[in-house]
């Protein structure tokens, strides 16, 4: 019999218990880059956000799908630090002052899984190859490196810049997603252009299956 899984909980300022480092890919709001400071191989990002007053030090927050820890909060801004490995694997190294990222706080224990299980651990970046209007919605096509764990399946889940989406037109090194007007307006998909790099987190279930198959 398998042991019961007990997710690690942290506590927010209002007393709500949060599932530590677990997200759903449902974007809450935006955060704007106010300052970028390098310290050795690390980079400190200062963001402003409508939810800054609700954040606390040591809280995990997903920025474009990257789980980062809040290290300080002051007024309407807060600071997170990205290490060299994170900068190499994600599009955070491309951020400039004034850029906007998608923001999601950890899922509360009483919340709903409106998207899918997202860890905030970006696997790789992908390049936007095409944007097509499809009678009100938009189809975005992305290309990524081939890997045994970089797996998409049609109608499966994928996380793009922290947004939980459904895959269409899946191939070995590319796939498409359809973006409805609401998602387009309420995420940074509205600023995405052909040639831009985005963060990808592949479905955790697919990654485990690929790993198990490779061991056979």
N, C-alpha and C. Protein backbone atom coordinates (compact mmCIF):
# COMPACT_ATOMS: atom_id res chain seq x y z
N UNK A 1 0.85 -1.20 0.00
CA UNK A 1 0.00 0.00 0.00
C UNK A 1 0.88 1.24 0.00
N UNK A 2 0.56 2.19 -0.86
CA UNK A 2 1.36 3.40 -0.96
C UNK A 2 1.10 4.30 0.24
N UNK A 3 2.15 4.98 0.74
CA UNK A 3 1.95 5.91 1.85
C UNK A 3 1.19 7.13 1.39
N UNK A 4 0.43 7.70 2.28
CA UNK A 4 -0.34 8.92 1.95
C UNK A 4 0.62 10.06 1.69
N UNK A 5 0.34 10.82 0.64
CA UNK A 5 1.17 11.97 0.31
C UNK A 5 0.66 13.17 1.08
N UNK A 6 1.57 13.84 1.77
CA UNK A 6 1.18 15.01 2.56
C UNK A 6 1.93 16.22 2.03
N UNK A 7 1.29 17.04 1.18
CA UNK A 7 1.97 18.19 0.60
C UNK A 7 2.45 19.17 1.66
N UNK A 8 3.63 19.74 1.42
CA UNK A 8 4.19 20.71 2.36
C UNK A 8 3.39 22.01 2.29
N UNK A 9 3.01 22.51 3.47
CA UNK A 9 2.21 23.72 3.52
C UNK A 9 3.01 24.88 4.08
N UNK A 10 2.77 26.04 3.54
CA UNK A 10 3.30 27.26 4.12
C UNK A 10 2.11 28.14 4.45
N UNK A 11 2.34 29.23 5.16
CA UNK A 11 1.23 30.06 5.60
C UNK A 11 1.39 31.48 5.09
N UNK A 12 0.35 32.03 4.49
CA UNK A 12 0.38 33.40 4.00
C UNK A 12 0.08 34.36 5.14
N UNK A 13 0.18 35.66 4.86
CA UNK A 13 -0.05 36.67 5.89
C UNK A 13 -1.48 36.64 6.42
N UNK A 14 -2.44 36.24 5.59
CA UNK A 14 -3.83 36.23 6.04
C UNK A 14 -4.21 34.91 6.70
N UNK A 15 -3.22 34.03 6.90
CA UNK A 15 -3.47 32.77 7.59
C UNK A 15 -3.85 31.62 6.68
N UNK A 16 -4.01 31.89 5.38
CA UNK A 16 -4.37 30.84 4.44
C UNK A 16 -3.19 29.91 4.21
N UNK A 17 -3.41 28.61 4.29
CA UNK A 17 -2.34 27.67 4.01
C UNK A 17 -2.16 27.51 2.50
N UNK A 18 -0.90 27.47 2.09
CA UNK A 18 -0.57 27.36 0.68
C UNK A 18 0.15 26.05 0.43
N UNK A 19 -0.06 25.48 -0.76
CA UNK A 19 0.70 24.30 -1.16
C UNK A 19 2.06 24.78 -1.63
N UNK A 20 3.11 24.40 -0.89
CA UNK A 20 4.46 24.90 -1.15
C UNK A 20 4.93 24.53 -2.56
N UNK A 21 5.26 25.56 -3.35
CA UNK A 21 5.81 25.38 -4.68
C UNK A 21 4.90 24.59 -5.61
N UNK A 22 3.60 24.79 -5.51
CA UNK A 22 2.67 24.17 -6.44
C UNK A 22 1.80 25.25 -7.06
N UNK A 23 1.72 25.21 -8.38
CA UNK A 23 0.94 26.20 -9.12
C UNK A 23 -0.04 25.47 -10.03
N UNK A 24 -0.93 26.24 -10.66
CA UNK A 24 -1.92 25.64 -11.56
C UNK A 24 -1.88 26.22 -12.97
N UNK A 25 -1.08 27.25 -13.18
CA UNK A 25 -1.01 27.85 -14.51
C UNK A 25 -2.13 28.83 -14.80
N UNK A 26 -2.83 29.26 -13.76
CA UNK A 26 -3.87 30.29 -13.91
C UNK A 26 -3.29 31.61 -13.43
N UNK A 27 -3.03 32.51 -14.35
CA UNK A 27 -2.34 33.77 -14.04
C UNK A 27 -3.24 34.70 -13.24
N UNK A 28 -2.68 35.23 -12.14
CA UNK A 28 -3.45 36.14 -11.28
C UNK A 28 -3.39 37.58 -11.76
N UNK A 29 -2.19 38.00 -12.12
CA UNK A 29 -1.97 39.41 -12.45
C UNK A 29 -0.61 39.54 -13.15
N UNK A 30 -0.17 40.77 -13.35
CA UNK A 30 1.14 41.05 -13.95
C UNK A 30 2.10 41.61 -12.91
N UNK A 31 3.38 41.52 -13.21
CA UNK A 31 4.41 42.21 -12.43
C UNK A 31 5.30 42.95 -13.43
N UNK A 32 5.65 44.18 -13.09
CA UNK A 32 6.46 45.02 -13.97
C UNK A 32 7.88 45.12 -13.43
N UNK A 33 8.86 44.94 -14.31
CA UNK A 33 10.27 45.04 -13.91
C UNK A 33 10.62 46.50 -13.63
N UNK A 34 11.05 46.79 -12.42
CA UNK A 34 11.42 48.15 -12.02
C UNK A 34 12.93 48.34 -11.95
N UNK A 35 13.67 47.26 -11.62
CA UNK A 35 15.12 47.37 -11.48
C UNK A 35 15.75 46.00 -11.71
N UNK A 36 16.94 45.98 -12.30
CA UNK A 36 17.69 44.75 -12.51
C UNK A 36 19.12 44.99 -12.02
N UNK A 37 19.56 44.19 -11.04
CA UNK A 37 20.89 44.35 -10.46
C UNK A 37 21.64 43.02 -10.49
N UNK A 38 22.87 43.05 -11.00
CA UNK A 38 23.69 41.85 -11.04
C UNK A 38 24.59 41.79 -9.81
N UNK A 39 24.74 40.59 -9.27
CA UNK A 39 25.65 40.36 -8.16
C UNK A 39 26.32 39.02 -8.39
N UNK A 40 27.54 39.06 -8.88
CA UNK A 40 28.21 37.83 -9.30
C UNK A 40 27.46 37.23 -10.47
N UNK A 41 27.10 35.95 -10.36
CA UNK A 41 26.32 35.31 -11.42
C UNK A 41 24.82 35.40 -11.16
N UNK A 42 24.44 35.97 -10.02
CA UNK A 42 23.02 36.13 -9.70
C UNK A 42 22.48 37.45 -10.24
N UNK A 43 21.17 37.49 -10.43
CA UNK A 43 20.50 38.73 -10.83
C UNK A 43 19.33 38.96 -9.89
N UNK A 44 19.27 40.18 -9.31
CA UNK A 44 18.16 40.58 -8.44
C UNK A 44 17.18 41.39 -9.28
N UNK A 45 15.95 40.93 -9.33
CA UNK A 45 14.89 41.63 -10.06
C UNK A 45 13.96 42.32 -9.06
N UNK A 46 13.73 43.61 -9.27
CA UNK A 46 12.75 44.34 -8.47
C UNK A 46 11.49 44.51 -9.32
N UNK A 47 10.36 44.05 -8.78
CA UNK A 47 9.09 44.11 -9.49
C UNK A 47 8.09 44.96 -8.71
N UNK A 48 7.16 45.57 -9.44
CA UNK A 48 5.97 46.16 -8.83
C UNK A 48 4.78 45.35 -9.31
N UNK A 49 3.78 45.21 -8.43
CA UNK A 49 2.62 44.39 -8.77
C UNK A 49 1.43 44.80 -7.92
N UNK A 50 0.22 44.59 -8.42
CA UNK A 50 -0.98 44.89 -7.62
C UNK A 50 -1.08 44.04 -6.35
N UNK A 51 -0.35 42.91 -6.29
CA UNK A 51 -0.44 42.05 -5.10
C UNK A 51 0.78 42.17 -4.20
N UNK A 52 1.64 43.16 -4.45
CA UNK A 52 2.85 43.31 -3.63
C UNK A 52 2.54 43.37 -2.14
N UNK A 53 1.49 44.10 -1.76
CA UNK A 53 1.15 44.26 -0.34
C UNK A 53 0.77 42.94 0.33
N UNK A 54 0.45 41.93 -0.48
CA UNK A 54 0.05 40.63 0.06
C UNK A 54 1.21 39.63 0.10
N UNK A 55 2.37 40.04 -0.41
CA UNK A 55 3.51 39.14 -0.44
C UNK A 55 4.31 39.24 0.85
N UNK A 56 5.09 38.20 1.13
CA UNK A 56 5.97 38.22 2.29
C UNK A 56 7.29 37.55 1.92
N UNK A 57 8.33 37.86 2.68
CA UNK A 57 9.64 37.26 2.46
C UNK A 57 9.55 35.75 2.61
N UNK A 58 10.24 35.03 1.72
CA UNK A 58 10.32 33.57 1.67
C UNK A 58 9.13 32.94 0.96
N UNK A 59 8.23 33.76 0.40
CA UNK A 59 7.10 33.22 -0.34
C UNK A 59 7.53 32.88 -1.76
N UNK A 60 7.00 31.79 -2.30
CA UNK A 60 7.31 31.38 -3.67
C UNK A 60 6.27 31.94 -4.63
N UNK A 61 6.75 32.58 -5.70
CA UNK A 61 5.87 33.18 -6.68
C UNK A 61 6.40 32.84 -8.07
N UNK A 62 5.50 32.45 -8.97
CA UNK A 62 5.90 32.11 -10.34
C UNK A 62 5.89 33.35 -11.22
N UNK A 63 7.04 33.63 -11.85
CA UNK A 63 7.20 34.75 -12.77
C UNK A 63 7.45 34.20 -14.16
N UNK A 64 6.48 34.39 -15.08
CA UNK A 64 6.57 33.74 -16.39
C UNK A 64 6.79 32.24 -16.24
N UNK A 65 6.20 31.67 -15.18
CA UNK A 65 6.31 30.24 -14.96
C UNK A 65 7.52 29.80 -14.18
N UNK A 66 8.38 30.74 -13.75
CA UNK A 66 9.59 30.41 -13.00
C UNK A 66 9.34 30.65 -11.52
N UNK A 67 9.47 29.61 -10.72
CA UNK A 67 9.27 29.74 -9.27
C UNK A 67 10.46 30.46 -8.65
N UNK A 68 10.22 31.63 -8.07
CA UNK A 68 11.27 32.43 -7.44
C UNK A 68 10.83 32.80 -6.02
N UNK A 69 11.79 32.99 -5.14
CA UNK A 69 11.51 33.30 -3.74
C UNK A 69 11.60 34.80 -3.49
N UNK A 70 10.59 35.35 -2.84
CA UNK A 70 10.61 36.76 -2.47
C UNK A 70 11.66 36.96 -1.37
N UNK A 71 12.62 37.86 -1.60
CA UNK A 71 13.68 38.08 -0.62
C UNK A 71 13.51 39.39 0.14
N UNK A 72 12.73 40.32 -0.40
CA UNK A 72 12.43 41.55 0.34
C UNK A 72 11.19 42.21 -0.26
N UNK A 73 10.48 42.95 0.60
CA UNK A 73 9.29 43.70 0.19
C UNK A 73 9.41 45.10 0.74
N UNK A 74 9.19 46.11 -0.12
CA UNK A 74 9.29 47.50 0.32
C UNK A 74 8.30 48.35 -0.46
N UNK A 75 7.30 48.89 0.24
CA UNK A 75 6.30 49.72 -0.44
C UNK A 75 5.53 48.91 -1.46
N UNK A 76 5.53 49.39 -2.71
CA UNK A 76 4.80 48.68 -3.75
C UNK A 76 5.71 47.80 -4.60
N UNK A 77 6.94 47.54 -4.13
CA UNK A 77 7.86 46.69 -4.89
C UNK A 77 8.38 45.55 -4.02
N UNK A 78 8.86 44.51 -4.69
CA UNK A 78 9.48 43.38 -4.02
C UNK A 78 10.63 42.88 -4.87
N UNK A 79 11.52 42.09 -4.27
CA UNK A 79 12.72 41.62 -4.95
C UNK A 79 12.77 40.09 -4.94
N UNK A 80 13.17 39.52 -6.08
CA UNK A 80 13.46 38.09 -6.18
C UNK A 80 14.83 37.95 -6.82
N UNK A 81 15.47 36.81 -6.57
CA UNK A 81 16.81 36.57 -7.10
C UNK A 81 16.82 35.34 -7.99
N UNK A 82 17.41 35.47 -9.17
CA UNK A 82 17.55 34.35 -10.10
C UNK A 82 19.02 33.95 -10.17
N UNK A 83 19.31 32.66 -9.97
CA UNK A 83 20.68 32.17 -10.06
C UNK A 83 21.05 31.92 -11.52
N UNK A 84 22.31 31.66 -11.77
CA UNK A 84 22.82 31.50 -13.13
C UNK A 84 22.09 30.38 -13.88
N UNK A 85 21.86 29.24 -13.22
CA UNK A 85 21.17 28.11 -13.86
C UNK A 85 19.77 28.51 -14.32
N UNK A 86 19.07 29.27 -13.50
CA UNK A 86 17.72 29.73 -13.86
C UNK A 86 17.78 30.66 -15.06
N UNK A 87 18.76 31.55 -15.06
CA UNK A 87 18.89 32.50 -16.17
C UNK A 87 19.21 31.79 -17.49
N UNK A 88 19.99 30.71 -17.40
CA UNK A 88 20.36 29.96 -18.62
C UNK A 88 19.17 29.18 -19.18
N UNK A 89 18.29 28.71 -18.32
CA UNK A 89 17.20 27.83 -18.75
C UNK A 89 15.92 28.57 -19.11
N UNK A 90 15.83 29.86 -18.77
CA UNK A 90 14.58 30.58 -18.93
C UNK A 90 14.79 31.87 -19.73
N UNK A 91 13.68 32.58 -19.96
CA UNK A 91 13.78 33.85 -20.68
C UNK A 91 13.94 35.04 -19.73
N UNK A 92 14.18 34.79 -18.44
CA UNK A 92 14.36 35.89 -17.50
C UNK A 92 15.58 36.75 -17.85
N UNK A 93 16.59 36.12 -18.46
CA UNK A 93 17.79 36.87 -18.83
C UNK A 93 17.51 37.89 -19.93
N UNK A 94 16.37 37.76 -20.61
CA UNK A 94 16.01 38.70 -21.67
C UNK A 94 15.17 39.88 -21.17
N UNK A 95 14.84 39.87 -19.88
CA UNK A 95 13.99 40.93 -19.34
C UNK A 95 14.71 42.27 -19.30
N UNK A 96 13.95 43.32 -19.56
CA UNK A 96 14.44 44.69 -19.46
C UNK A 96 13.50 45.48 -18.54
N UNK A 97 14.00 46.60 -18.04
CA UNK A 97 13.17 47.46 -17.20
C UNK A 97 11.92 47.89 -17.98
N UNK A 98 10.78 47.75 -17.35
CA UNK A 98 9.52 48.09 -18.00
C UNK A 98 8.79 46.89 -18.56
N UNK A 99 9.48 45.75 -18.71
CA UNK A 99 8.83 44.54 -19.21
C UNK A 99 7.83 44.01 -18.19
N UNK A 100 6.85 43.28 -18.68
CA UNK A 100 5.80 42.74 -17.82
C UNK A 100 5.83 41.22 -17.88
N UNK A 101 5.74 40.57 -16.70
CA UNK A 101 5.72 39.11 -16.63
C UNK A 101 4.40 38.64 -16.04
N UNK A 102 4.02 37.40 -16.36
CA UNK A 102 2.84 36.79 -15.77
C UNK A 102 3.14 36.36 -14.33
N UNK A 103 2.19 36.58 -13.43
CA UNK A 103 2.42 36.30 -12.01
C UNK A 103 1.37 35.34 -11.48
N UNK A 104 1.85 34.34 -10.73
CA UNK A 104 0.95 33.43 -10.02
C UNK A 104 1.57 33.05 -8.68
N UNK A 105 0.80 33.23 -7.62
CA UNK A 105 1.25 32.78 -6.31
C UNK A 105 0.92 31.30 -6.13
N UNK A 106 1.57 30.65 -5.14
CA UNK A 106 1.30 29.24 -4.88
C UNK A 106 -0.18 29.01 -4.63
N UNK A 107 -0.61 27.82 -5.00
CA UNK A 107 -2.01 27.47 -4.85
C UNK A 107 -2.38 27.31 -3.37
N UNK A 108 -3.48 27.93 -2.91
CA UNK A 108 -3.93 27.71 -1.53
C UNK A 108 -4.49 26.30 -1.39
N UNK A 109 -4.36 25.73 -0.20
CA UNK A 109 -4.83 24.36 0.03
C UNK A 109 -6.32 24.21 -0.22
N UNK A 110 -7.06 25.31 -0.12
CA UNK A 110 -8.50 25.27 -0.34
C UNK A 110 -8.88 25.65 -1.77
N UNK A 111 -7.87 25.83 -2.63
CA UNK A 111 -8.13 26.28 -3.99
C UNK A 111 -8.52 25.15 -4.92
N UNK A 112 -8.84 25.52 -6.16
CA UNK A 112 -9.23 24.56 -7.19
C UNK A 112 -8.10 24.40 -8.21
N UNK A 113 -7.97 23.20 -8.77
CA UNK A 113 -7.03 22.98 -9.86
C UNK A 113 -7.70 23.38 -11.17
N UNK A 114 -7.79 24.67 -11.40
CA UNK A 114 -8.44 25.14 -12.62
C UNK A 114 -7.57 24.93 -13.86
N UNK A 115 -6.25 24.82 -13.69
CA UNK A 115 -5.37 24.55 -14.81
C UNK A 115 -4.89 23.11 -14.75
N UNK A 116 -3.59 22.91 -14.49
CA UNK A 116 -3.05 21.57 -14.24
C UNK A 116 -1.88 21.71 -13.28
N UNK A 117 -1.29 20.59 -12.85
CA UNK A 117 -0.20 20.64 -11.88
C UNK A 117 1.03 21.29 -12.53
N UNK A 118 1.45 22.42 -11.98
CA UNK A 118 2.61 23.16 -12.48
C UNK A 118 3.59 23.33 -11.32
N UNK A 119 4.85 23.00 -11.55
CA UNK A 119 5.85 23.06 -10.49
C UNK A 119 6.59 24.39 -10.43
N UNK A 120 6.57 25.13 -11.51
CA UNK A 120 7.37 26.35 -11.56
C UNK A 120 8.82 26.07 -11.89
N UNK A 121 9.10 24.87 -12.42
CA UNK A 121 10.44 24.47 -12.83
C UNK A 121 10.49 24.42 -14.35
N UNK A 122 10.96 25.48 -14.96
CA UNK A 122 10.99 25.58 -16.41
C UNK A 122 12.00 24.59 -16.99
N UNK A 123 11.57 23.84 -18.01
CA UNK A 123 12.43 22.84 -18.63
C UNK A 123 13.36 23.44 -19.68
N UNK A 124 12.83 24.35 -20.47
CA UNK A 124 13.61 24.94 -21.55
C UNK A 124 12.85 26.15 -22.10
N UNK A 125 13.46 26.83 -23.02
CA UNK A 125 12.76 27.90 -23.73
C UNK A 125 12.36 27.42 -25.11
N UNK A 126 11.43 28.11 -25.72
CA UNK A 126 11.01 27.83 -27.09
C UNK A 126 10.88 29.16 -27.81
N UNK A 127 10.86 29.09 -29.13
CA UNK A 127 10.76 30.30 -29.95
C UNK A 127 9.40 30.36 -30.63
N UNK A 128 8.79 31.52 -30.58
CA UNK A 128 7.52 31.71 -31.28
C UNK A 128 7.79 31.79 -32.78
N UNK A 129 7.19 30.86 -33.53
CA UNK A 129 7.44 30.78 -34.98
C UNK A 129 6.32 31.37 -35.81
N UNK A 130 5.11 31.41 -35.25
CA UNK A 130 4.00 31.93 -36.05
C UNK A 130 2.84 32.32 -35.15
N UNK A 131 2.14 33.38 -35.53
CA UNK A 131 0.93 33.82 -34.85
C UNK A 131 -0.14 34.01 -35.91
N UNK A 132 -1.26 33.31 -35.75
CA UNK A 132 -2.29 33.35 -36.77
C UNK A 132 -3.65 33.66 -36.15
N UNK A 133 -4.38 34.59 -36.76
CA UNK A 133 -5.72 34.90 -36.31
C UNK A 133 -6.66 33.80 -36.79
N UNK A 134 -7.45 33.26 -35.88
CA UNK A 134 -8.40 32.21 -36.26
C UNK A 134 -9.82 32.63 -35.86
N UNK A 135 -10.27 33.68 -36.52
CA UNK A 135 -11.64 34.17 -36.36
C UNK A 135 -11.95 34.56 -34.92
N UNK A 136 -11.12 35.44 -34.37
CA UNK A 136 -11.36 35.97 -33.03
C UNK A 136 -10.35 35.51 -32.02
N UNK A 137 -9.97 34.24 -32.07
CA UNK A 137 -8.90 33.73 -31.22
C UNK A 137 -7.59 33.74 -32.01
N UNK A 138 -6.51 33.29 -31.39
CA UNK A 138 -5.21 33.28 -32.06
C UNK A 138 -4.53 31.94 -31.87
N UNK A 139 -3.83 31.52 -32.92
CA UNK A 139 -3.03 30.30 -32.84
C UNK A 139 -1.56 30.68 -32.79
N UNK A 140 -0.87 30.26 -31.72
CA UNK A 140 0.56 30.49 -31.56
C UNK A 140 1.29 29.17 -31.78
N UNK A 141 2.32 29.21 -32.61
CA UNK A 141 3.14 28.01 -32.86
C UNK A 141 4.53 28.24 -32.31
N UNK A 142 5.05 27.23 -31.59
CA UNK A 142 6.36 27.32 -30.94
C UNK A 142 7.25 26.16 -31.37
N UNK A 143 8.54 26.44 -31.39
CA UNK A 143 9.53 25.42 -31.73
C UNK A 143 10.53 25.29 -30.58
N UNK A 144 10.87 24.04 -30.21
CA UNK A 144 11.77 23.80 -29.10
C UNK A 144 12.78 22.71 -29.45
N UNK A 145 13.80 22.55 -28.62
CA UNK A 145 14.80 21.52 -28.85
C UNK A 145 14.20 20.13 -28.66
N UNK A 146 14.73 19.17 -29.41
CA UNK A 146 14.28 17.79 -29.27
C UNK A 146 14.93 17.15 -28.06
N UNK A 147 14.13 16.47 -27.27
CA UNK A 147 14.62 15.80 -26.07
C UNK A 147 13.66 14.69 -25.70
N UNK A 148 14.16 13.67 -25.00
CA UNK A 148 13.30 12.54 -24.61
C UNK A 148 12.24 12.96 -23.61
N UNK A 149 12.45 14.09 -22.93
CA UNK A 149 11.46 14.55 -21.94
C UNK A 149 10.69 15.79 -22.41
N UNK A 150 11.09 16.35 -23.54
CA UNK A 150 10.36 17.49 -24.10
C UNK A 150 9.20 16.94 -24.94
N UNK A 151 8.17 16.50 -24.27
CA UNK A 151 7.09 15.77 -24.92
C UNK A 151 5.78 16.55 -24.84
N UNK A 152 5.13 16.68 -25.99
CA UNK A 152 3.76 17.21 -26.01
C UNK A 152 2.86 16.20 -26.71
N UNK A 153 1.61 16.18 -26.32
CA UNK A 153 0.61 15.36 -27.00
C UNK A 153 -0.60 16.23 -27.25
N UNK A 154 -1.27 15.98 -28.37
CA UNK A 154 -2.46 16.76 -28.69
C UNK A 154 -3.51 16.60 -27.60
N UNK A 155 -4.08 17.71 -27.19
CA UNK A 155 -5.07 17.82 -26.12
C UNK A 155 -4.44 17.62 -24.74
N UNK A 156 -3.11 17.52 -24.67
CA UNK A 156 -2.42 17.45 -23.39
C UNK A 156 -2.13 18.85 -22.87
N UNK A 157 -1.55 18.92 -21.68
CA UNK A 157 -1.27 20.20 -21.04
C UNK A 157 0.16 20.66 -21.28
N UNK A 158 0.34 21.96 -21.36
CA UNK A 158 1.66 22.59 -21.49
C UNK A 158 1.60 23.92 -20.75
N UNK A 159 2.72 24.32 -20.18
CA UNK A 159 2.78 25.61 -19.50
C UNK A 159 3.69 26.55 -20.27
N UNK A 160 3.16 27.67 -20.73
CA UNK A 160 3.91 28.65 -21.51
C UNK A 160 3.93 29.97 -20.75
N UNK A 161 5.14 30.42 -20.36
CA UNK A 161 5.27 31.63 -19.54
C UNK A 161 4.33 31.59 -18.33
N UNK A 162 4.18 30.38 -17.77
CA UNK A 162 3.36 30.22 -16.58
C UNK A 162 1.89 29.99 -16.83
N UNK A 163 1.46 30.00 -18.10
CA UNK A 163 0.05 29.86 -18.44
C UNK A 163 -0.27 28.40 -18.81
N UNK A 164 -1.24 27.81 -18.14
CA UNK A 164 -1.68 26.46 -18.45
C UNK A 164 -2.52 26.47 -19.71
N UNK A 165 -2.07 25.68 -20.72
CA UNK A 165 -2.76 25.67 -22.01
C UNK A 165 -2.88 24.25 -22.54
N UNK A 166 -3.73 24.08 -23.56
CA UNK A 166 -3.94 22.78 -24.19
C UNK A 166 -3.22 22.75 -25.54
N UNK A 167 -2.50 21.67 -25.78
CA UNK A 167 -1.69 21.52 -26.99
C UNK A 167 -2.57 21.14 -28.19
N UNK A 168 -2.26 21.76 -29.33
CA UNK A 168 -2.81 21.32 -30.61
C UNK A 168 -1.63 21.17 -31.58
N UNK A 169 -1.82 20.35 -32.62
CA UNK A 169 -0.79 20.19 -33.67
C UNK A 169 0.58 19.84 -33.09
N UNK A 170 0.63 18.78 -32.29
CA UNK A 170 1.87 18.37 -31.65
C UNK A 170 2.81 17.67 -32.62
N UNK A 171 4.12 18.02 -32.55
CA UNK A 171 5.17 17.36 -33.32
C UNK A 171 6.37 17.17 -32.41
N UNK A 172 7.44 16.54 -32.92
CA UNK A 172 8.62 16.25 -32.09
C UNK A 172 9.25 17.51 -31.52
N UNK A 173 9.32 18.56 -32.32
CA UNK A 173 10.01 19.77 -31.87
C UNK A 173 9.15 21.03 -31.99
N UNK A 174 7.86 20.85 -32.15
CA UNK A 174 6.98 22.02 -32.25
C UNK A 174 5.57 21.65 -31.84
N UNK A 175 4.79 22.67 -31.55
CA UNK A 175 3.38 22.49 -31.21
C UNK A 175 2.69 23.84 -31.31
N UNK A 176 1.38 23.82 -31.27
CA UNK A 176 0.60 25.06 -31.29
C UNK A 176 -0.38 25.06 -30.13
N UNK A 177 -0.82 26.26 -29.77
CA UNK A 177 -1.88 26.44 -28.79
C UNK A 177 -2.84 27.50 -29.32
N UNK A 178 -4.09 27.41 -28.90
CA UNK A 178 -5.08 28.41 -29.26
C UNK A 178 -5.35 29.30 -28.05
N UNK A 179 -5.30 30.60 -28.26
CA UNK A 179 -5.47 31.57 -27.19
C UNK A 179 -6.77 32.33 -27.39
N UNK A 180 -7.68 32.19 -26.41
CA UNK A 180 -8.94 32.93 -26.50
C UNK A 180 -8.70 34.39 -26.13
N UNK A 181 -9.61 35.28 -26.52
CA UNK A 181 -9.40 36.72 -26.25
C UNK A 181 -9.14 37.05 -24.78
N UNK A 182 -9.84 36.38 -23.84
CA UNK A 182 -9.64 36.68 -22.42
C UNK A 182 -8.20 36.38 -22.01
N UNK A 183 -7.70 35.21 -22.37
CA UNK A 183 -6.32 34.85 -22.02
C UNK A 183 -5.33 35.79 -22.69
N UNK A 184 -5.59 36.16 -23.92
CA UNK A 184 -4.71 37.07 -24.65
C UNK A 184 -4.60 38.41 -23.93
N UNK A 185 -5.71 38.95 -23.46
CA UNK A 185 -5.71 40.26 -22.83
C UNK A 185 -5.18 40.25 -21.40
N UNK A 186 -5.29 39.10 -20.71
CA UNK A 186 -4.94 39.04 -19.30
C UNK A 186 -3.62 38.31 -19.01
N UNK A 187 -2.84 38.09 -20.05
CA UNK A 187 -1.48 37.55 -19.90
C UNK A 187 -0.56 38.33 -20.84
N UNK A 188 0.75 38.04 -20.76
CA UNK A 188 1.65 38.76 -21.67
C UNK A 188 1.73 38.13 -23.05
N UNK A 189 0.77 37.25 -23.39
CA UNK A 189 0.65 36.80 -24.78
C UNK A 189 0.38 37.99 -25.70
N UNK A 190 -0.25 39.03 -25.16
CA UNK A 190 -0.59 40.20 -26.00
C UNK A 190 0.65 40.98 -26.42
N UNK A 191 1.79 40.73 -25.78
CA UNK A 191 3.03 41.41 -26.17
C UNK A 191 3.97 40.50 -26.96
N UNK A 192 3.56 39.22 -27.13
CA UNK A 192 4.43 38.24 -27.77
C UNK A 192 4.50 38.47 -29.27
N UNK A 193 5.72 38.38 -29.82
CA UNK A 193 5.95 38.55 -31.25
C UNK A 193 6.69 37.33 -31.80
N UNK A 194 6.59 37.13 -33.10
CA UNK A 194 7.35 36.06 -33.75
C UNK A 194 8.84 36.28 -33.50
N UNK A 195 9.54 35.24 -33.07
CA UNK A 195 10.96 35.34 -32.75
C UNK A 195 11.23 35.46 -31.27
N UNK A 196 10.20 35.78 -30.46
CA UNK A 196 10.39 35.90 -29.01
C UNK A 196 10.57 34.53 -28.37
N UNK A 197 11.33 34.51 -27.28
CA UNK A 197 11.52 33.28 -26.52
C UNK A 197 10.54 33.23 -25.36
N UNK A 198 10.01 32.03 -25.13
CA UNK A 198 9.07 31.83 -24.02
C UNK A 198 9.56 30.67 -23.16
N UNK A 199 9.08 30.62 -21.92
CA UNK A 199 9.43 29.54 -21.00
C UNK A 199 8.45 28.38 -21.16
N UNK A 200 8.99 27.16 -21.17
CA UNK A 200 8.17 25.96 -21.29
C UNK A 200 8.37 25.06 -20.08
N UNK A 201 7.27 24.63 -19.49
CA UNK A 201 7.31 23.54 -18.53
C UNK A 201 6.39 22.45 -19.06
N UNK A 202 7.01 21.30 -19.40
CA UNK A 202 6.23 20.19 -19.94
C UNK A 202 5.47 19.49 -18.81
N UNK A 203 4.41 18.79 -19.18
CA UNK A 203 3.55 18.13 -18.20
C UNK A 203 4.35 17.13 -17.36
N UNK A 204 4.26 17.24 -16.04
CA UNK A 204 5.04 16.41 -15.14
C UNK A 204 4.72 14.93 -15.31
N UNK A 205 3.46 14.60 -15.61
CA UNK A 205 3.09 13.19 -15.81
C UNK A 205 3.81 12.63 -17.04
N UNK A 206 3.85 13.40 -18.11
CA UNK A 206 4.55 12.96 -19.32
C UNK A 206 6.03 12.77 -19.09
N UNK A 207 6.63 13.63 -18.26
CA UNK A 207 8.07 13.51 -17.98
C UNK A 207 8.37 12.25 -17.19
N UNK A 208 7.50 11.90 -16.23
CA UNK A 208 7.70 10.68 -15.45
C UNK A 208 7.55 9.44 -16.33
N UNK A 209 6.55 9.46 -17.22
CA UNK A 209 6.35 8.33 -18.13
C UNK A 209 7.57 8.16 -19.04
N UNK A 210 8.08 9.28 -19.57
CA UNK A 210 9.26 9.22 -20.44
C UNK A 210 10.47 8.66 -19.69
N UNK A 211 10.62 9.06 -18.43
CA UNK A 211 11.74 8.56 -17.62
C UNK A 211 11.61 7.06 -17.39
N UNK A 212 10.43 6.59 -17.04
CA UNK A 212 10.21 5.17 -16.80
C UNK A 212 10.45 4.34 -18.05
N UNK A 213 10.00 4.86 -19.20
CA UNK A 213 10.20 4.15 -20.46
C UNK A 213 11.68 4.04 -20.80
N UNK A 214 12.45 5.07 -20.47
CA UNK A 214 13.89 5.06 -20.78
C UNK A 214 14.65 4.06 -19.93
N UNK A 215 14.08 3.67 -18.78
CA UNK A 215 14.75 2.71 -17.88
C UNK A 215 14.50 1.27 -18.26
N UNK A 216 13.54 1.07 -19.17
CA UNK A 216 13.23 -0.31 -19.59
C UNK A 216 14.27 -0.83 -20.57
